[in-house]
């Protein structure tokens, strides 16, 4: 069973950048596609970005396209979310999650994901 731990959150001014990391334990990390989700106070958890097992396929929510980049380093069992041009509306708790699937499989559906990290807070001030 893979376990996920997020890090890299913090407080940043609008227009700034952050890089989140999702570190996985377990020897089967490459069996899983990984997604980033976020949840703002009073709102539902929403998909942000996803990456396939191989890293060859990625998918983004329209709200972050062109600003966020998801990547993975399977040798380090880590998935990253590089966030640039941050906006106050990006403020949320960010979660990474994993789902097993085919080599190029990605899902944007929250309920497809079976393994979740504890989340990391990102706060963007105006």
Protein backbone atom coordinates (compact mmCIF):
# COMPACT_ATOMS: atom_id res chain seq x y z
CA UNK A 1 0.00 0.00 0.00
CA UNK A 2 1.29 3.43 -0.96
CA UNK A 3 1.19 6.27 1.56
CA UNK A 4 1.35 9.91 0.50
CA UNK A 5 2.76 12.95 2.32
CA UNK A 6 2.41 16.48 0.93
CA UNK A 7 4.76 19.36 1.67
CA UNK A 8 5.68 22.78 0.33
CA UNK A 9 2.61 24.77 1.22
CA UNK A 10 2.77 28.19 2.80
CA UNK A 11 1.87 31.86 2.54
CA UNK A 12 2.71 33.71 -0.66
CA UNK A 13 1.73 37.01 -2.22
CA UNK A 14 -0.41 37.14 -5.33
CA UNK A 15 1.73 36.64 -8.41
CA UNK A 16 4.19 34.50 -6.51
CA UNK A 17 5.14 30.85 -6.86
CA UNK A 18 5.21 27.69 -4.78
CA UNK A 19 6.17 24.11 -5.45
CA UNK A 20 4.27 21.37 -3.70
CA UNK A 21 5.69 17.90 -3.28
CA UNK A 22 3.88 14.61 -2.78
CA UNK A 23 6.23 11.96 -1.45
CA UNK A 24 5.13 8.35 -1.66
CA UNK A 25 6.27 5.40 0.37
CA UNK A 26 6.00 1.90 -0.97
CA UNK A 27 7.62 0.03 -3.79
CA UNK A 28 4.68 0.17 -6.18
CA UNK A 29 4.47 3.92 -6.70
CA UNK A 30 4.82 3.49 -10.45
CA UNK A 31 1.55 1.50 -10.49
CA UNK A 32 -0.38 4.67 -9.65
CA UNK A 33 -1.54 7.75 -11.43
CA UNK A 34 -1.46 10.76 -9.13
CA UNK A 35 -3.74 13.75 -8.87
CA UNK A 36 -3.68 17.03 -7.03
CA UNK A 37 -6.93 18.31 -5.57
CA UNK A 38 -7.75 21.35 -3.48
CA UNK A 39 -10.45 22.36 -1.06
CA UNK A 40 -11.18 25.93 -0.05
CA UNK A 41 -13.24 26.74 3.07
CA UNK A 42 -16.91 26.10 2.46
CA UNK A 43 -16.30 24.60 -0.97
CA UNK A 44 -16.13 21.11 -2.38
CA UNK A 45 -12.83 19.43 -3.09
CA UNK A 46 -11.90 19.96 -6.72
CA UNK A 47 -9.47 18.50 -9.22
CA UNK A 48 -6.40 20.58 -10.02
CA UNK A 49 -4.04 18.40 -12.05
CA UNK A 50 -3.23 14.77 -12.76
CA UNK A 51 -0.35 12.75 -14.12
CA UNK A 52 -0.19 9.19 -15.41
CA UNK A 53 2.01 6.40 -14.07
CA UNK A 54 4.63 7.06 -16.70
CA UNK A 55 4.44 10.82 -16.47
CA UNK A 56 3.70 10.88 -20.17
CA UNK A 57 0.14 12.15 -19.80
CA UNK A 58 -1.08 15.11 -17.79
CA UNK A 59 -4.39 16.87 -17.30
CA UNK A 60 -5.31 20.22 -15.75
CA UNK A 61 -8.35 22.06 -14.53
CA UNK A 62 -9.14 25.04 -16.73
CA UNK A 63 -8.61 27.39 -13.79
CA UNK A 64 -4.92 26.47 -13.51
CA UNK A 65 -3.91 25.77 -17.11
CA UNK A 66 -0.84 27.74 -18.08
CA UNK A 67 -0.01 28.52 -14.43
CA UNK A 68 0.47 25.11 -12.78
CA UNK A 69 2.66 22.23 -13.91
CA UNK A 70 2.48 18.69 -12.59
CA UNK A 71 5.46 16.37 -12.88
CA UNK A 72 6.79 13.22 -11.30
CA UNK A 73 10.16 11.69 -10.52
CA UNK A 74 9.56 7.96 -10.15
CA UNK A 75 13.14 7.39 -9.01
CA UNK A 76 12.37 9.62 -6.02
CA UNK A 77 8.77 8.42 -5.57
CA UNK A 78 7.64 12.04 -5.72
CA UNK A 79 5.08 14.07 -7.64
CA UNK A 80 5.39 17.84 -7.85
CA UNK A 81 2.98 20.67 -8.47
CA UNK A 82 4.73 23.84 -9.60
CA UNK A 83 2.39 26.78 -9.12
CA UNK A 84 3.10 30.18 -10.68
CA UNK A 85 1.17 33.44 -10.97
CA UNK A 86 -0.76 32.50 -7.88
CA UNK A 87 -4.08 34.21 -7.18
CA UNK A 88 -6.00 34.67 -3.94
CA UNK A 89 -8.59 32.24 -5.29
CA UNK A 90 -5.92 29.53 -5.29
CA UNK A 91 -6.01 29.58 -1.50
CA UNK A 92 -6.97 26.12 -0.28
CA UNK A 93 -5.73 22.94 1.31
CA UNK A 94 -4.01 20.96 -1.42
CA UNK A 95 -4.15 17.18 -1.41
CA UNK A 96 -2.40 14.61 -3.52
CA UNK A 97 -4.08 11.32 -4.23
CA UNK A 98 -3.27 8.09 -6.05
CA UNK A 99 -5.27 5.70 -8.21
CA UNK A 100 -4.09 2.51 -9.88
CA UNK A 101 -4.60 2.24 -13.60
CA UNK A 102 -3.11 1.76 -17.02
CA UNK A 103 0.11 3.27 -18.24
CA UNK A 104 -1.44 6.50 -19.55
CA UNK A 105 -4.50 6.59 -17.29
CA UNK A 106 -5.46 9.80 -15.51
CA UNK A 107 -8.67 10.62 -13.70
CA UNK A 108 -10.11 13.98 -12.72
CA UNK A 109 -12.85 12.33 -10.65
CA UNK A 110 -12.34 12.64 -6.92
CA UNK A 111 -14.02 9.33 -6.10
CA UNK A 112 -11.73 7.33 -8.38
CA UNK A 113 -8.83 8.00 -6.04
CA UNK A 114 -8.29 5.48 -3.27
CA UNK A 115 -5.21 6.81 -1.47
CA UNK A 116 -4.96 10.35 -0.06
CA UNK A 117 -2.40 12.45 1.71
CA UNK A 118 -3.15 14.67 4.69
CA UNK A 119 -3.02 17.94 2.76
CA UNK A 120 -0.92 21.08 2.84
CA UNK A 121 -2.23 24.64 3.21
CA UNK A 122 -1.60 27.20 0.49
CA UNK A 123 -2.56 30.79 1.25
CA UNK A 124 -2.26 33.52 -1.36
CA UNK A 125 -2.55 37.07 -0.08
CA UNK A 126 -3.74 39.95 -2.24
